Structure formats: structure tokens, C-alpha cells
Amino acid sequence: AAGEWSGELVQCSAAGGTLVMLTRLQWVDPGDGGSPLVLESGTDITRRKADEVRLREATAAAERASAAKSDFLAMMSHDLRTPLQAIMTAAEILAPDPEAPGTPPELRNINYAAQSMARLVDDLLNLARLERTRLPLERRPTNLRELLARTLDPIAATARAKGLAFEGVVDPMAPAELLTDPVRLGQILANLVGNAVKFTAVGRVRVDVRGARPGMLRIDVADTGIGIAQERQTAVFEPFMQASGEVREHYGGVGLGLAIASDLAHSLGGRIDLESAPGEGSRFRLWLPLQPPTPAEEAPPQA
């Protein structure tokens, strides 16, 4: 009826093989009373189709490998929790207050090492859950100032022990309450502020909370630390990536904190922006909606 047809045809070759042809058949009226003709034109797309099959197979293999990695991380994290909990319990019994005068340095080191390992295990488990989209999220009214105090007070003590000035400022116009997952928001803040303290040797760390846009909460975490080069600022939000090899050697860690914080922010309907330069410190800016989207809604794109 249309006078033409186009599509893919599998044709036999003279050598006995097959070719995939992108074919167009067109009805042609010679106009001189002769018999109508069909004009056929074709393009050999056999190689392209084979490449598409290989790409699909490679993608499926990569997805299986990623799923296997996530399952392995989750399994190992769970398996490590039992002996680690025993170590932490014994350390707490032997040294309830690691900072108390007279505490043997060996017990203090065991306590700190166990806490560091516990955070790493939690990060690995969260990463595995995020990659498989199994991380449960709550949405309930949360007192903002109570959450900030509960999350930031221990980190502030660590900062002051390093000789850093620590400031936490909440704009009076900031909302008293927001609808969010308090545990996950606490994780985001702990990672951002903990990193700021970790990578700052001299100067200050400042947390600034304000309601900057209608329906949005803005939390700035600024430091006077080592800073991050422009070309590395995207990579630091990827799992197991850090600003440089020197940073890993000097400061330790495996590069999971910012990746998890960024994924959690997107899960809550927000995002994290970064402004930084080497030697000039960093500013991480967390945007969160006061009314987060439902799971079916799409989180806002990154700036």
C-alpha cells in the first residue's frame, strides 16, 4: 500500500553462509506501460549485528561480575561483623574510656583500630546494598538540630583534639524539621565532616546549614585542608577512588566514604556539589529536599 518496505533480511551467500542485509524494497512504475518493477537496495550489516551480539554478551557478563562483587562484599561484611564485635566488646570491657588517664596505649590503639574497622565494614555493606538497590530508606519527620548535634559532636571533639577550630552554624531560617531518613542523612554528614577533619591539618572545619531555596535544605561542609585538583573531583565520588595515590598512602582509607555519601544523597532526592583547589581546602555542598520524592520519582540531576 505504501509502495515500499524496509527492514532487515537474512540472505544466503554464494559461499553457503548468511548475510544480514539492511534492505529497502521500492515499487517502481516504468511509466511506459511496461510491467512494474521492484527496486531492491541493501547494506551489509552482518558485522554490525555481530558486534551488537558481542556487546550484549559483554554487558551481561559485566552485570554478572558486578552482582557477584556486590554479593561478595555483602557476605564478607556480614562474616567480618561477628569476630569484630567480639574484639570491640573485649576492648570496651578492658578500656571503657580510651582517653582516660592511665589507659595503656595498646588498649587505646585496639579500641581505635576496631572502630575504624567497624566503619569500613559498614561502608562495604552499604556499598554492596547500594549497588544492588537493596538499601532500605525511611522517610519520617526528623528534628534537624538534634540530628546535627548527635552526628557532629563526636567529630567536633576529634577536630579539637587535632587543634582545629570547629564551627557548626545553623541559620535561624532553616527548618526545624524535615522529612528524611535520619540514619542515612547522619551517614552522609559523618562522611563529609569526617573527611574534612581527616584531610585538614591546620585551620578549621565549618558546617553551615541553611534553607537556601524553597523546599530545599543546603548544608555546606568547608575546610582548610589539602584540597582536590579539578581533574580528580569527579573521581572522588567513585568507589575505591581517592584524590591521588599519595593521599591513600598518607591518610589511609579505601575511598568509599564520598561514593556512599553521594549515592545516599541521590537516594534521598538530593545531590552533593564540590568546590576545591589543591592547598586551598574544599567545600562540599549537600542539597536535600524538605519533602523527598517517593521511590518511583526521579532524583534531580547532578549540577
C-alpha atoms as a PDB file:
ATOM      1  CA  ALA A   1       0.000   0.000   0.000  1.00  0.00           C
ATOM      2  CA  ALA A   2       2.858   2.393   0.755  1.00  0.00           C
ATOM      3  CA  GLY A   3       4.838   1.402  -2.305  1.00  0.00           C
ATOM      4  CA  GLU A   4       7.944   0.495  -0.310  1.00  0.00           C
ATOM      5  CA  TRP A   5       9.252  -1.638   2.538  1.00  0.00           C
ATOM      6  CA  SER A   6      12.431  -1.561   4.584  1.00  0.00           C
ATOM      7  CA  GLY A   7      13.837  -3.874   7.201  1.00  0.00           C
ATOM      8  CA  GLU A   8      16.460  -6.497   7.923  1.00  0.00           C
ATOM      9  CA  LEU A   9      16.692  -9.642   5.824  1.00  0.00           C
ATOM     10  CA  VAL A  10      18.913 -12.665   6.329  1.00  0.00           C
ATOM     11  CA  GLN A  11      20.159 -13.757   2.905  1.00  0.00           C
ATOM     12  CA  CYS A  12      22.200 -16.702   1.761  1.00  0.00           C
ATOM     13  CA  SER A  13      25.565 -16.031   0.185  1.00  0.00           C
ATOM     14  CA  ALA A  14      27.009 -17.912  -2.776  1.00  0.00           C
ATOM     15  CA  ALA A  15      29.613 -19.394  -0.449  1.00  0.00           C
ATOM     16  CA  GLY A  16      26.927 -21.018   1.670  1.00  0.00           C
ATOM     17  CA  GLY A  17      26.979 -18.543   4.550  1.00  0.00           C
ATOM     18  CA  THR A  18      24.441 -15.920   5.559  1.00  0.00           C
ATOM     19  CA  LEU A  19      24.425 -12.141   5.454  1.00  0.00           C
ATOM     20  CA  VAL A  20      22.266  -9.723   7.411  1.00  0.00           C
ATOM     21  CA  MET A  21      21.163  -7.044   4.979  1.00  0.00           C
ATOM     22  CA  LEU A  22      19.501  -3.742   5.794  1.00  0.00           C
ATOM     23  CA  THR A  23      17.153  -3.866   2.807  1.00  0.00           C
ATOM     24  CA  ARG A  24      14.803  -1.455   1.078  1.00  0.00           C
ATOM     25  CA  LEU A  25      12.258  -2.645  -1.493  1.00  0.00           C
ATOM     26  CA  GLN A  26      10.570   0.039  -3.586  1.00  0.00           C
ATOM     27  CA  TRP A  27       7.789  -0.296  -6.166  1.00  0.00           C
ATOM     28  CA  VAL A  28       8.772   1.395  -9.434  1.00  0.00           C
ATOM     29  CA  ASP A  29       6.335   2.210 -12.252  1.00  0.00           C
ATOM     30  CA  PRO A  30       8.324   2.479 -15.511  1.00  0.00           C
ATOM     31  CA  GLY A  31       5.623   4.762 -16.905  1.00  0.00           C
ATOM     32  CA  ASP A  32       5.723   3.342 -20.478  1.00  0.00           C
ATOM     33  CA  GLY A  33       3.072   0.712 -19.989  1.00  0.00           C
ATOM     34  CA  GLY A  34       5.669  -1.875 -19.084  1.00  0.00           C
ATOM     35  CA  SER A  35       5.498  -4.230 -16.137  1.00  0.00           C
ATOM     36  CA  PRO A  36       6.057  -2.631 -12.737  1.00  0.00           C
ATOM     37  CA  LEU A  37       9.437  -3.300 -11.172  1.00  0.00           C
ATOM     38  CA  VAL A  38      10.718  -3.717  -7.618  1.00  0.00           C
ATOM     39  CA  LEU A  39      13.962  -1.907  -6.871  1.00  0.00           C
ATOM     40  CA  GLU A  40      15.973  -3.547  -4.098  1.00  0.00           C
ATOM     41  CA  SER A  41      18.865  -1.836  -2.320  1.00  0.00           C
ATOM     42  CA  GLY A  42      20.743  -3.296   0.595  1.00  0.00           C
ATOM     43  CA  THR A  43      23.587  -2.631   3.004  1.00  0.00           C
ATOM     44  CA  ASP A  44      25.558  -5.459   4.550  1.00  0.00           C
ATOM     45  CA  ILE A  45      25.240  -5.055   8.335  1.00  0.00           C
ATOM     46  CA  THR A  46      26.445  -8.548   9.250  1.00  0.00           C
ATOM     47  CA  ARG A  47      29.497  -7.268  11.140  1.00  0.00           C
ATOM     48  CA  ARG A  48      27.465  -4.639  12.952  1.00  0.00           C
ATOM     49  CA  LYS A  49      24.926  -7.216  14.098  1.00  0.00           C
ATOM     50  CA  ALA A  50      27.736  -9.474  15.306  1.00  0.00           C
ATOM     51  CA  ASP A  51      29.221  -6.546  17.220  1.00  0.00           C
ATOM     52  CA  GLU A  52      25.833  -5.889  18.815  1.00  0.00           C
ATOM     53  CA  VAL A  53      25.633  -9.505  19.965  1.00  0.00           C
ATOM     54  CA  ARG A  54      29.143  -9.330  21.431  1.00  0.00           C
ATOM     55  CA  LEU A  55      28.287  -6.039  23.163  1.00  0.00           C
ATOM     56  CA  ARG A  56      25.152  -7.538  24.707  1.00  0.00           C
ATOM     57  CA  GLU A  57      27.118 -10.549  25.892  1.00  0.00           C
ATOM     58  CA  ALA A  58      29.878  -8.354  27.328  1.00  0.00           C
ATOM     59  CA  THR A  59      27.315  -6.156  29.092  1.00  0.00           C
ATOM     60  CA  ALA A  60      25.597  -9.204  30.560  1.00  0.00           C
ATOM     61  CA  ALA A  61      28.957 -10.568  31.731  1.00  0.00           C
ATOM     62  CA  ALA A  62      29.846  -7.223  33.331  1.00  0.00           C
ATOM     63  CA  GLU A  63      26.490  -7.114  35.114  1.00  0.00           C
ATOM     64  CA  ARG A  64      27.017 -10.652  36.410  1.00  0.00           C
ATOM     65  CA  ALA A  65      30.505  -9.735  37.615  1.00  0.00           C
ATOM     66  CA  SER A  66      29.180  -6.602  39.339  1.00  0.00           C
ATOM     67  CA  ALA A  67      26.433  -8.602  41.021  1.00  0.00           C
ATOM     68  CA  ALA A  68      28.968 -11.211  42.151  1.00  0.00           C
ATOM     69  CA  LYS A  69      31.201  -8.464  43.564  1.00  0.00           C
ATOM     70  CA  SER A  70      28.288  -6.906  45.446  1.00  0.00           C
ATOM     71  CA  ASP A  71      27.273 -10.291  46.858  1.00  0.00           C
ATOM     72  CA  PHE A  72      30.863 -10.950  47.896  1.00  0.00           C
ATOM     73  CA  LEU A  73      31.148  -7.567  49.630  1.00  0.00           C
ATOM     74  CA  ALA A  74      27.883  -8.123  51.456  1.00  0.00           C
ATOM     75  CA  MET A  75      28.855 -11.659  52.503  1.00  0.00           C
ATOM     76  CA  MET A  76      32.308 -10.614  53.709  1.00  0.00           C
ATOM     77  CA  SER A  77      30.912  -7.639  55.585  1.00  0.00           C
ATOM     78  CA  HIS A  78      28.476  -9.862  57.439  1.00  0.00           C
ATOM     79  CA  ASP A  79      31.116 -12.508  58.132  1.00  0.00           C
ATOM     80  CA  LEU A  80      33.549  -9.922  59.500  1.00  0.00           C
ATOM     81  CA  ARG A  81      30.997  -8.462  61.897  1.00  0.00           C
ATOM     82  CA  THR A  82      30.995 -11.412  64.328  1.00  0.00           C
ATOM     83  CA  PRO A  83      34.731 -11.523  65.186  1.00  0.00           C
ATOM     84  CA  LEU A  84      34.931  -7.730  65.018  1.00  0.00           C
ATOM     85  CA  GLN A  85      32.088  -7.373  67.511  1.00  0.00           C
ATOM     86  CA  ALA A  86      33.924  -9.713  69.887  1.00  0.00           C
ATOM     87  CA  ILE A  87      37.073  -7.579  69.620  1.00  0.00           C
ATOM     88  CA  MET A  88      35.139  -4.357  70.214  1.00  0.00           C
ATOM     89  CA  THR A  89      33.314  -5.826  73.209  1.00  0.00           C
ATOM     90  CA  ALA A  90      36.584  -7.014  74.779  1.00  0.00           C
ATOM     91  CA  ALA A  91      38.230  -3.640  74.116  1.00  0.00           C
ATOM     92  CA  GLU A  92      35.294  -1.808  75.706  1.00  0.00           C
ATOM     93  CA  ILE A  93      35.445  -4.017  78.804  1.00  0.00           C
ATOM     94  CA  LEU A  94      39.195  -3.501  79.177  1.00  0.00           C
ATOM     95  CA  ALA A  95      39.073   0.230  78.432  1.00  0.00           C
ATOM     96  CA  PRO A  96      35.592   1.778  78.768  1.00  0.00           C
ATOM     97  CA  ASP A  97      37.093   5.227  78.201  1.00  0.00           C
ATOM     98  CA  PRO A  98      40.157   5.020  75.903  1.00  0.00           C
ATOM     99  CA  GLU A  99      41.034   8.651  76.655  1.00  0.00           C
ATOM    100  CA  ALA A 100      41.033   8.203  80.427  1.00  0.00           C
ATOM    101  CA  PRO A 101      44.398   8.860  82.135  1.00  0.00           C
ATOM    102  CA  GLY A 102      46.373   5.707  82.719  1.00  0.00           C
ATOM    103  CA  THR A 103      44.834   3.753  79.846  1.00  0.00           C
ATOM    104  CA  PRO A 104      47.585   1.646  78.264  1.00  0.00           C
ATOM    105  CA  PRO A 105      48.346   2.852  74.734  1.00  0.00           C
ATOM    106  CA  GLU A 106      47.931  -0.714  73.444  1.00  0.00           C
ATOM    107  CA  LEU A 107      44.299  -0.790  74.590  1.00  0.00           C
ATOM    108  CA  ARG A 108      43.702   2.669  73.144  1.00  0.00           C
ATOM    109  CA  ASN A 109      45.098   1.532  69.796  1.00  0.00           C
ATOM    110  CA  ILE A 110      42.971  -1.637  69.818  1.00  0.00           C
ATOM    111  CA  ASN A 111      39.858   0.435  70.517  1.00  0.00           C
ATOM    112  CA  TYR A 112      40.547   2.938  67.745  1.00  0.00           C
ATOM    113  CA  ALA A 113      41.534   0.239  65.243  1.00  0.00           C
ATOM    114  CA  ALA A 114      38.350  -1.726  65.976  1.00  0.00           C
ATOM    115  CA  GLN A 115      36.200   1.381  65.498  1.00  0.00           C
ATOM    116  CA  SER A 116      37.940   2.134  62.223  1.00  0.00           C
ATOM    117  CA  MET A 117      37.400  -1.434  61.033  1.00  0.00           C
ATOM    118  CA  ALA A 118      33.732  -1.275  62.035  1.00  0.00           C
ATOM    119  CA  ARG A 119      33.238   1.850  59.918  1.00  0.00           C
ATOM    120  CA  LEU A 120      34.947   0.159  56.983  1.00  0.00           C
ATOM    121  CA  VAL A 121      32.738  -2.923  57.295  1.00  0.00           C
ATOM    122  CA  ASP A 122      29.640  -0.698  57.406  1.00  0.00           C
ATOM    123  CA  ASP A 123      30.831   1.174  54.320  1.00  0.00           C
ATOM    124  CA  LEU A 124      31.418  -2.062  52.405  1.00  0.00           C
ATOM    125  CA  LEU A 125      27.989  -3.379  53.347  1.00  0.00           C
ATOM    126  CA  ASN A 126      26.295  -0.126  52.378  1.00  0.00           C
ATOM    127  CA  LEU A 127      28.158  -0.074  49.066  1.00  0.00           C
ATOM    128  CA  ALA A 128      27.007  -3.610  48.270  1.00  0.00           C
ATOM    129  CA  ARG A 129      23.416  -2.713  49.108  1.00  0.00           C
ATOM    130  CA  LEU A 130      23.506   0.487  47.082  1.00  0.00           C
ATOM    131  CA  GLU A 131      24.891  -1.298  44.028  1.00  0.00           C
ATOM    132  CA  ARG A 132      22.071  -3.842  44.245  1.00  0.00           C
ATOM    133  CA  THR A 133      19.466  -1.168  45.193  1.00  0.00           C
ATOM    134  CA  ARG A 134      18.604  -3.033  48.364  1.00  0.00           C
ATOM    135  CA  LEU A 135      19.492  -0.312  50.862  1.00  0.00           C
ATOM    136  CA  PRO A 136      16.311   0.356  52.846  1.00  0.00           C
ATOM    137  CA  LEU A 137      15.332   4.000  53.243  1.00  0.00           C
ATOM    138  CA  GLU A 138      12.948   5.563  55.724  1.00  0.00           C
ATOM    139  CA  ARG A 139      11.070   8.827  55.340  1.00  0.00           C
ATOM    140  CA  ARG A 140       9.941  10.279  58.635  1.00  0.00           C
ATOM    141  CA  PRO A 141       9.880  13.669  60.368  1.00  0.00           C
ATOM    142  CA  THR A 142      13.364  14.393  61.736  1.00  0.00           C
ATOM    143  CA  ASN A 143      14.473  17.146  64.104  1.00  0.00           C
ATOM    144  CA  LEU A 144      17.319  18.769  62.234  1.00  0.00           C
ATOM    145  CA  ARG A 145      19.201  20.292  65.164  1.00  0.00           C
ATOM    146  CA  GLU A 146      19.070  17.096  67.225  1.00  0.00           C
ATOM    147  CA  LEU A 147      20.401  15.117  64.264  1.00  0.00           C
ATOM    148  CA  LEU A 148      23.232  17.602  63.742  1.00  0.00           C
ATOM    149  CA  ALA A 149      24.239  17.518  67.395  1.00  0.00           C
ATOM    150  CA  ARG A 150      24.139  13.725  67.578  1.00  0.00           C
ATOM    151  CA  THR A 151      26.216  13.368  64.404  1.00  0.00           C
ATOM    152  CA  LEU A 152      28.668  16.240  64.694  1.00  0.00           C
ATOM    153  CA  ASP A 153      29.551  16.353  68.412  1.00  0.00           C
ATOM    154  CA  PRO A 154      31.907  13.315  68.326  1.00  0.00           C
ATOM    155  CA  ILE A 155      33.580  14.595  65.138  1.00  0.00           C
ATOM    156  CA  ALA A 156      33.947  18.074  66.662  1.00  0.00           C
ATOM    157  CA  ALA A 157      35.784  16.524  69.620  1.00  0.00           C
ATOM    158  CA  THR A 158      38.182  14.786  67.217  1.00  0.00           C
ATOM    159  CA  ALA A 159      38.767  18.055  65.347  1.00  0.00           C
ATOM    160  CA  ARG A 160      39.578  19.979  68.528  1.00  0.00           C
ATOM    161  CA  ALA A 161      41.907  17.196  69.637  1.00  0.00           C
ATOM    162  CA  LYS A 162      43.827  17.842  66.381  1.00  0.00           C
ATOM    163  CA  GLY A 163      43.988  21.538  67.195  1.00  0.00           C
ATOM    164  CA  LEU A 164      41.413  22.528  64.557  1.00  0.00           C
ATOM    165  CA  ALA A 165      38.717  25.132  65.004  1.00  0.00           C
ATOM    166  CA  PHE A 166      35.312  23.525  64.507  1.00  0.00           C
ATOM    167  CA  GLU A 167      32.234  25.616  63.771  1.00  0.00           C
ATOM    168  CA  GLY A 168      28.660  24.495  63.340  1.00  0.00           C
ATOM    169  CA  VAL A 169      26.241  27.217  62.271  1.00  0.00           C
ATOM    170  CA  VAL A 170      22.506  26.752  61.713  1.00  0.00           C
ATOM    171  CA  ASP A 171      20.621  29.574  60.015  1.00  0.00           C
ATOM    172  CA  PRO A 172      17.633  30.621  62.173  1.00  0.00           C
ATOM    173  CA  MET A 173      15.546  30.450  58.999  1.00  0.00           C
ATOM    174  CA  ALA A 174      16.489  26.801  58.435  1.00  0.00           C
ATOM    175  CA  PRO A 175      13.577  24.439  59.039  1.00  0.00           C
ATOM    176  CA  ALA A 176      13.364  22.810  62.453  1.00  0.00           C
ATOM    177  CA  GLU A 177      12.171  19.564  60.916  1.00  0.00           C
ATOM    178  CA  LEU A 178      12.479  17.752  57.596  1.00  0.00           C
ATOM    179  CA  LEU A 179      11.095  14.543  56.171  1.00  0.00           C
ATOM    180  CA  THR A 180      14.040  12.230  55.559  1.00  0.00           C
ATOM    181  CA  ASP A 181      15.884   9.114  56.661  1.00  0.00           C
ATOM    182  CA  PRO A 182      17.791  10.297  59.758  1.00  0.00           C
ATOM    183  CA  VAL A 183      20.199   7.343  59.764  1.00  0.00           C
ATOM    184  CA  ARG A 184      21.226   7.838  56.126  1.00  0.00           C
ATOM    185  CA  LEU A 185      21.425  11.621  56.463  1.00  0.00           C
ATOM    186  CA  GLY A 186      23.621  11.089  59.513  1.00  0.00           C
ATOM    187  CA  GLN A 187      25.869   8.831  57.420  1.00  0.00           C
ATOM    188  CA  ILE A 188      26.187  11.486  54.723  1.00  0.00           C
ATOM    189  CA  LEU A 189      27.128  14.170  57.242  1.00  0.00           C
ATOM    190  CA  ALA A 190      29.502  11.876  59.111  1.00  0.00           C
ATOM    191  CA  ASN A 191      31.335  11.036  55.889  1.00  0.00           C
ATOM    192  CA  LEU A 192      31.556  14.648  54.674  1.00  0.00           C
ATOM    193  CA  VAL A 193      32.553  16.168  58.014  1.00  0.00           C
ATOM    194  CA  GLY A 194      34.775  13.243  58.981  1.00  0.00           C
ATOM    195  CA  ASN A 195      36.670  13.607  55.701  1.00  0.00           C
ATOM    196  CA  ALA A 196      37.038  17.344  56.267  1.00  0.00           C
ATOM    197  CA  VAL A 197      38.649  16.724  59.658  1.00  0.00           C
ATOM    198  CA  LYS A 198      40.766  13.870  58.337  1.00  0.00           C
ATOM    199  CA  PHE A 199      42.291  15.873  55.479  1.00  0.00           C
ATOM    200  CA  THR A 200      42.807  19.115  57.413  1.00  0.00           C
ATOM    201  CA  ALA A 201      45.992  19.509  59.442  1.00  0.00           C
ATOM    202  CA  VAL A 202      45.806  23.237  60.227  1.00  0.00           C
ATOM    203  CA  GLY A 203      42.947  25.706  60.273  1.00  0.00           C
ATOM    204  CA  ARG A 204      39.252  24.992  60.631  1.00  0.00           C
ATOM    205  CA  VAL A 205      36.258  22.950  59.613  1.00  0.00           C
ATOM    206  CA  ARG A 206      32.896  24.685  59.311  1.00  0.00           C
ATOM    207  CA  VAL A 207      29.416  23.225  58.862  1.00  0.00           C
ATOM    208  CA  ASP A 208      26.842  25.739  57.649  1.00  0.00           C
ATOM    209  CA  VAL A 209      23.152  24.778  57.491  1.00  0.00           C
ATOM    210  CA  ARG A 210      20.525  26.889  55.772  1.00  0.00           C
ATOM    211  CA  GLY A 211      17.332  26.733  53.776  1.00  0.00           C
ATOM    212  CA  ALA A 212      18.617  28.372  50.613  1.00  0.00           C
ATOM    213  CA  ARG A 213      15.855  27.558  48.139  1.00  0.00           C
ATOM    214  CA  PRO A 214      12.123  26.965  48.509  1.00  0.00           C
ATOM    215  CA  GLY A 215      11.673  23.385  49.577  1.00  0.00           C
ATOM    216  CA  MET A 216      15.433  22.715  49.738  1.00  0.00           C
ATOM    217  CA  LEU A 217      17.937  22.392  52.558  1.00  0.00           C
ATOM    218  CA  ARG A 218      21.592  23.300  51.971  1.00  0.00           C
ATOM    219  CA  ILE A 219      24.441  22.056  54.164  1.00  0.00           C
ATOM    220  CA  ASP A 220      27.964  23.293  53.444  1.00  0.00           C
ATOM    221  CA  VAL A 221      30.994  21.465  54.827  1.00  0.00           C
ATOM    222  CA  ALA A 222      34.093  23.621  54.308  1.00  0.00           C
ATOM    223  CA  ASP A 223      37.667  23.001  55.407  1.00  0.00           C
ATOM    224  CA  THR A 224      41.159  24.448  55.031  1.00  0.00           C
ATOM    225  CA  GLY A 225      42.704  21.095  54.163  1.00  0.00           C
ATOM    226  CA  ILE A 226      44.720  19.708  51.270  1.00  0.00           C
ATOM    227  CA  GLY A 227      42.085  20.325  48.589  1.00  0.00           C
ATOM    228  CA  ILE A 228      41.331  18.332  45.440  1.00  0.00           C
ATOM    229  CA  ALA A 229      42.555  19.020  41.907  1.00  0.00           C
ATOM    230  CA  GLN A 230      39.883  19.861  39.347  1.00  0.00           C
ATOM    231  CA  GLU A 231      40.581  16.788  37.229  1.00  0.00           C
ATOM    232  CA  ARG A 232      40.061  14.488  40.240  1.00  0.00           C
ATOM    233  CA  GLN A 233      36.865  15.996  41.592  1.00  0.00           C
ATOM    234  CA  THR A 234      34.556  13.630  39.731  1.00  0.00           C
ATOM    235  CA  ALA A 235      36.635  10.555  40.538  1.00  0.00           C
ATOM    236  CA  VAL A 236      36.489  11.055  44.325  1.00  0.00           C
ATOM    237  CA  PHE A 237      32.759  10.221  44.217  1.00  0.00           C
ATOM    238  CA  GLU A 238      33.501   6.817  42.678  1.00  0.00           C
ATOM    239  CA  PRO A 239      34.047   3.723  44.863  1.00  0.00           C
ATOM    240  CA  PHE A 240      37.650   2.951  45.858  1.00  0.00           C
ATOM    241  CA  MET A 241      38.922   6.223  44.343  1.00  0.00           C
ATOM    242  CA  GLN A 242      40.839   8.939  46.165  1.00  0.00           C
ATOM    243  CA  ALA A 243      42.303  12.280  45.177  1.00  0.00           C
ATOM    244  CA  SER A 244      45.700  10.654  44.488  1.00  0.00           C
ATOM    245  CA  GLY A 245      47.923   7.723  45.386  1.00  0.00           C
ATOM    246  CA  GLU A 246      49.845   9.957  47.784  1.00  0.00           C
ATOM    247  CA  VAL A 247      46.619  10.697  49.657  1.00  0.00           C
ATOM    248  CA  ARG A 248      45.942   6.991  50.107  1.00  0.00           C
ATOM    249  CA  GLU A 249      49.464   6.331  51.353  1.00  0.00           C
ATOM    250  CA  HIS A 250      49.482   9.270  53.771  1.00  0.00           C
ATOM    251  CA  TYR A 251      45.907   9.281  55.082  1.00  0.00           C
ATOM    252  CA  GLY A 252      44.804   5.673  54.568  1.00  0.00           C
ATOM    253  CA  GLY A 253      41.251   4.600  53.789  1.00  0.00           C
ATOM    254  CA  VAL A 254      39.844   2.842  50.747  1.00  0.00           C
ATOM    255  CA  GLY A 255      37.868   5.662  49.134  1.00  0.00           C
ATOM    256  CA  LEU A 256      34.297   4.611  49.938  1.00  0.00           C
ATOM    257  CA  GLY A 257      33.002   7.486  52.081  1.00  0.00           C
ATOM    258  CA  LEU A 258      32.255  10.034  49.363  1.00  0.00           C
ATOM    259  CA  ALA A 259      30.889   7.419  46.962  1.00  0.00           C
ATOM    260  CA  ILE A 260      28.411   6.220  49.573  1.00  0.00           C
ATOM    261  CA  ALA A 261      27.527   9.784  50.625  1.00  0.00           C
ATOM    262  CA  SER A 262      26.808  10.747  47.011  1.00  0.00           C
ATOM    263  CA  ASP A 263      24.657   7.663  46.350  1.00  0.00           C
ATOM    264  CA  LEU A 264      22.731   8.187  49.584  1.00  0.00           C
ATOM    265  CA  ALA A 265      22.139  11.845  48.716  1.00  0.00           C
ATOM    266  CA  HIS A 266      20.647  10.837  45.361  1.00  0.00           C
ATOM    267  CA  SER A 267      18.520   8.180  47.055  1.00  0.00           C
ATOM    268  CA  LEU A 268      17.103  10.899  49.320  1.00  0.00           C
ATOM    269  CA  GLY A 269      16.344  13.100  46.320  1.00  0.00           C
ATOM    270  CA  GLY A 270      19.364  15.415  46.610  1.00  0.00           C
ATOM    271  CA  ARG A 271      22.929  15.771  45.437  1.00  0.00           C
ATOM    272  CA  ILE A 272      26.423  16.825  46.556  1.00  0.00           C
ATOM    273  CA  ASP A 273      28.419  19.571  44.806  1.00  0.00           C
ATOM    274  CA  LEU A 274      32.152  20.150  45.259  1.00  0.00           C
ATOM    275  CA  GLU A 275      34.322  23.256  45.074  1.00  0.00           C
ATOM    276  CA  SER A 276      38.015  22.745  45.752  1.00  0.00           C
ATOM    277  CA  ALA A 277      41.577  23.547  44.749  1.00  0.00           C
ATOM    278  CA  PRO A 278      44.883  21.983  45.904  1.00  0.00           C
ATOM    279  CA  GLY A 279      46.176  23.693  49.029  1.00  0.00           C
ATOM    280  CA  GLU A 280      43.059  25.846  49.371  1.00  0.00           C
ATOM    281  CA  GLY A 281      40.669  23.460  51.091  1.00  0.00           C
ATOM    282  CA  SER A 282      37.351  22.031  49.941  1.00  0.00           C
ATOM    283  CA  ARG A 283      33.668  22.869  50.178  1.00  0.00           C
ATOM    284  CA  PHE A 284      31.129  20.074  49.852  1.00  0.00           C
ATOM    285  CA  ARG A 285      27.573  21.312  49.423  1.00  0.00           C
ATOM    286  CA  LEU A 286      24.728  18.923  50.198  1.00  0.00           C
ATOM    287  CA  TRP A 287      21.305  19.731  48.731  1.00  0.00           C
ATOM    288  CA  LEU A 288      18.296  17.902  50.172  1.00  0.00           C
ATOM    289  CA  PRO A 289      14.586  18.374  49.541  1.00  0.00           C
ATOM    290  CA  LEU A 290      12.497  19.061  52.622  1.00  0.00           C
ATOM    291  CA  GLN A 291       9.887  16.766  51.085  1.00  0.00           C
ATOM    292  CA  PRO A 292      11.849  13.929  49.403  1.00  0.00           C
ATOM    293  CA  PRO A 293      10.496  12.208  46.305  1.00  0.00           C
ATOM    294  CA  THR A 294       8.775   8.868  46.544  1.00  0.00           C
ATOM    295  CA  PRO A 295      10.866   5.881  45.390  1.00  0.00           C
ATOM    296  CA  ALA A 296       9.151   5.977  41.986  1.00  0.00           C
ATOM    297  CA  GLU A 297      10.110   9.591  41.371  1.00  0.00           C
ATOM    298  CA  GLU A 298      13.393  10.568  39.833  1.00  0.00           C
ATOM    299  CA  ALA A 299      16.119  12.317  41.823  1.00  0.00           C
ATOM    300  CA  PRO A 300      17.336  15.655  40.439  1.00  0.00           C
ATOM    301  CA  PRO A 301      20.303  15.562  38.051  1.00  0.00           C
ATOM    302  CA  GLN A 302      23.756  16.459  39.261  1.00  0.00           C
ATOM    303  CA  ALA A 303      24.848  20.034  38.670  1.00  0.00           C
END
